[in-house]
Amino acid sequence: MASTLTCPNCGHCKEETMPTDACQYFYACENCKQVLKPKPGDCCVYCSYGTVKCPPIQAGSKTCC
């Protein structure tokens, strides 16, 4: 499953394939190189900066970790 991540620093967008069996806690923007981490209360970068929440959250879990 894919989600488009948007960097809050520079606005760069990129579609990425989400892992289905683990959280992705860090993501480095390929444009500005800033390392993104989840916002407080979110379990992963897809839940914070993606167009689609991570698969475990979509399935009804409270966290993906």
N, C-alpha and C. Protein backbone atom coordinates (compact mmCIF):
# COMPACT_ATOMS: atom_id res chain seq x y z
N MET A 1 0.85 -1.17 0.00
CA MET A 1 0.00 0.00 0.00
C MET A 1 0.90 1.24 0.00
N ALA A 2 0.49 2.26 -0.72
CA ALA A 2 1.30 3.46 -0.85
C ALA A 2 0.65 4.65 -0.14
N SER A 3 1.48 5.60 0.22
CA SER A 3 1.05 6.85 0.83
C SER A 3 2.01 7.93 0.35
N THR A 4 1.51 9.11 0.13
CA THR A 4 2.37 10.22 -0.28
C THR A 4 2.77 11.01 0.96
N LEU A 5 4.07 11.05 1.22
CA LEU A 5 4.60 11.80 2.36
C LEU A 5 4.92 13.22 1.91
N THR A 6 4.56 14.20 2.74
CA THR A 6 4.85 15.60 2.46
C THR A 6 5.74 16.13 3.56
N CYS A 7 6.91 16.63 3.20
CA CYS A 7 7.86 17.17 4.17
C CYS A 7 7.32 18.50 4.71
N PRO A 8 7.21 18.63 6.03
CA PRO A 8 6.72 19.88 6.60
C PRO A 8 7.75 21.03 6.50
N ASN A 9 8.99 20.68 6.23
CA ASN A 9 10.05 21.68 6.15
C ASN A 9 10.08 22.36 4.79
N CYS A 10 10.03 21.57 3.71
CA CYS A 10 10.17 22.14 2.37
C CYS A 10 8.97 21.92 1.46
N GLY A 11 8.03 21.07 1.88
CA GLY A 11 6.84 20.81 1.08
C GLY A 11 7.00 19.75 0.01
N HIS A 12 8.18 19.14 -0.08
CA HIS A 12 8.42 18.09 -1.08
C HIS A 12 7.51 16.89 -0.81
N CYS A 13 6.92 16.35 -1.88
CA CYS A 13 6.04 15.19 -1.77
C CYS A 13 6.64 14.01 -2.53
N LYS A 14 6.46 12.82 -1.94
CA LYS A 14 6.92 11.62 -2.61
C LYS A 14 6.05 10.45 -2.19
N GLU A 15 5.62 9.66 -3.17
CA GLU A 15 4.85 8.46 -2.87
C GLU A 15 5.81 7.35 -2.44
N GLU A 16 5.50 6.73 -1.32
CA GLU A 16 6.32 5.65 -0.78
C GLU A 16 5.43 4.46 -0.46
N THR A 17 6.01 3.27 -0.50
CA THR A 17 5.30 2.06 -0.10
C THR A 17 5.47 1.88 1.40
N MET A 18 4.35 1.71 2.09
CA MET A 18 4.39 1.58 3.55
C MET A 18 4.73 0.15 3.95
N PRO A 19 5.53 -0.02 4.99
CA PRO A 19 5.75 -1.37 5.51
C PRO A 19 4.47 -1.87 6.17
N THR A 20 4.20 -3.15 6.06
CA THR A 20 2.98 -3.71 6.67
C THR A 20 3.27 -4.39 7.99
N ASP A 21 4.54 -4.61 8.30
CA ASP A 21 4.88 -5.38 9.49
C ASP A 21 5.74 -4.63 10.50
N ALA A 22 5.91 -3.30 10.32
CA ALA A 22 6.74 -2.53 11.23
C ALA A 22 6.42 -1.05 11.10
N CYS A 23 6.72 -0.30 12.16
CA CYS A 23 6.58 1.16 12.11
C CYS A 23 7.77 1.74 11.35
N GLN A 24 7.52 2.84 10.67
CA GLN A 24 8.64 3.59 10.10
C GLN A 24 8.72 4.88 10.90
N TYR A 25 9.63 4.91 11.83
CA TYR A 25 9.73 6.03 12.76
C TYR A 25 10.50 7.21 12.16
N PHE A 26 11.45 6.94 11.29
CA PHE A 26 12.25 8.00 10.66
C PHE A 26 12.07 7.98 9.15
N TYR A 27 12.13 9.16 8.55
CA TYR A 27 12.08 9.28 7.09
C TYR A 27 12.90 10.51 6.71
N ALA A 28 13.87 10.33 5.83
CA ALA A 28 14.71 11.44 5.38
C ALA A 28 14.14 12.00 4.08
N CYS A 29 13.81 13.28 4.08
CA CYS A 29 13.31 13.94 2.87
C CYS A 29 14.42 13.95 1.84
N GLU A 30 14.11 13.48 0.63
CA GLU A 30 15.15 13.44 -0.40
C GLU A 30 15.48 14.82 -0.95
N ASN A 31 14.63 15.81 -0.71
CA ASN A 31 14.87 17.16 -1.20
C ASN A 31 15.74 17.98 -0.24
N CYS A 32 15.27 18.15 1.00
CA CYS A 32 16.01 19.01 1.95
C CYS A 32 16.84 18.23 2.96
N LYS A 33 16.70 16.90 2.95
CA LYS A 33 17.47 15.98 3.81
C LYS A 33 17.06 16.02 5.28
N GLN A 34 16.00 16.75 5.63
CA GLN A 34 15.54 16.76 7.02
C GLN A 34 15.00 15.39 7.37
N VAL A 35 15.34 14.90 8.57
CA VAL A 35 14.86 13.61 9.04
C VAL A 35 13.55 13.86 9.80
N LEU A 36 12.48 13.28 9.29
CA LEU A 36 11.17 13.43 9.91
C LEU A 36 10.95 12.34 10.95
N LYS A 37 10.27 12.72 12.03
CA LYS A 37 9.84 11.79 13.06
C LYS A 37 8.34 12.00 13.25
N PRO A 38 7.63 11.02 13.78
CA PRO A 38 6.18 11.19 13.99
C PRO A 38 5.88 12.35 14.93
N LYS A 39 4.73 12.98 14.71
CA LYS A 39 4.25 14.01 15.63
C LYS A 39 3.82 13.33 16.92
N PRO A 40 3.82 14.07 18.04
CA PRO A 40 3.37 13.48 19.30
C PRO A 40 1.97 12.86 19.16
N GLY A 41 1.85 11.64 19.63
CA GLY A 41 0.58 10.92 19.56
C GLY A 41 0.44 10.04 18.33
N ASP A 42 1.30 10.21 17.34
CA ASP A 42 1.27 9.36 16.15
C ASP A 42 2.31 8.26 16.28
N CYS A 43 2.06 7.12 15.63
CA CYS A 43 2.96 5.98 15.77
C CYS A 43 4.06 5.95 14.72
N CYS A 44 3.87 6.64 13.59
CA CYS A 44 4.87 6.56 12.53
C CYS A 44 4.77 7.78 11.62
N VAL A 45 5.73 7.93 10.72
CA VAL A 45 5.76 9.10 9.82
C VAL A 45 4.57 9.09 8.86
N TYR A 46 4.04 7.91 8.51
CA TYR A 46 2.89 7.86 7.61
C TYR A 46 1.64 8.42 8.27
N CYS A 47 1.49 8.18 9.56
CA CYS A 47 0.33 8.73 10.27
C CYS A 47 0.46 10.25 10.45
N SER A 48 1.67 10.76 10.51
CA SER A 48 1.87 12.19 10.68
C SER A 48 1.91 12.98 9.38
N TYR A 49 2.56 12.45 8.36
CA TYR A 49 2.83 13.23 7.15
C TYR A 49 2.31 12.59 5.86
N GLY A 50 1.65 11.45 5.96
CA GLY A 50 1.19 10.75 4.77
C GLY A 50 -0.25 11.04 4.41
N THR A 51 -0.60 10.73 3.19
CA THR A 51 -1.98 10.88 2.72
C THR A 51 -2.84 9.72 3.18
N VAL A 52 -2.20 8.62 3.58
CA VAL A 52 -2.90 7.43 4.05
C VAL A 52 -2.23 6.99 5.35
N LYS A 53 -3.02 6.70 6.37
CA LYS A 53 -2.48 6.19 7.63
C LYS A 53 -1.89 4.80 7.41
N CYS A 54 -1.02 4.37 8.32
CA CYS A 54 -0.36 3.08 8.17
C CYS A 54 -1.36 1.93 8.25
N PRO A 55 -1.02 0.77 7.65
CA PRO A 55 -1.95 -0.37 7.61
C PRO A 55 -2.50 -0.80 8.97
N PRO A 56 -1.70 -0.90 10.05
CA PRO A 56 -2.28 -1.30 11.34
C PRO A 56 -3.34 -0.31 11.86
N ILE A 57 -3.11 0.98 11.66
CA ILE A 57 -4.09 1.97 12.11
C ILE A 57 -5.37 1.84 11.27
N GLN A 58 -5.23 1.62 9.97
CA GLN A 58 -6.39 1.42 9.12
C GLN A 58 -7.20 0.19 9.55
N ALA A 59 -6.50 -0.81 10.07
CA ALA A 59 -7.15 -2.05 10.50
C ALA A 59 -7.81 -1.92 11.87
N GLY A 60 -7.62 -0.77 12.53
CA GLY A 60 -8.28 -0.56 13.81
C GLY A 60 -7.39 -0.64 15.02
N SER A 61 -6.09 -0.86 14.84
CA SER A 61 -5.16 -0.88 15.98
C SER A 61 -4.97 0.53 16.49
N LYS A 62 -4.65 0.66 17.77
CA LYS A 62 -4.39 1.99 18.34
C LYS A 62 -2.99 2.48 17.97
N THR A 63 -2.05 1.56 17.81
CA THR A 63 -0.71 1.88 17.35
C THR A 63 -0.24 0.77 16.44
N CYS A 64 0.79 1.05 15.66
CA CYS A 64 1.31 0.00 14.78
C CYS A 64 2.53 -0.67 15.40
N CYS A 65 2.94 -0.23 16.54
CA CYS A 65 4.15 -0.80 17.17
C CYS A 65 3.76 -1.80 18.24
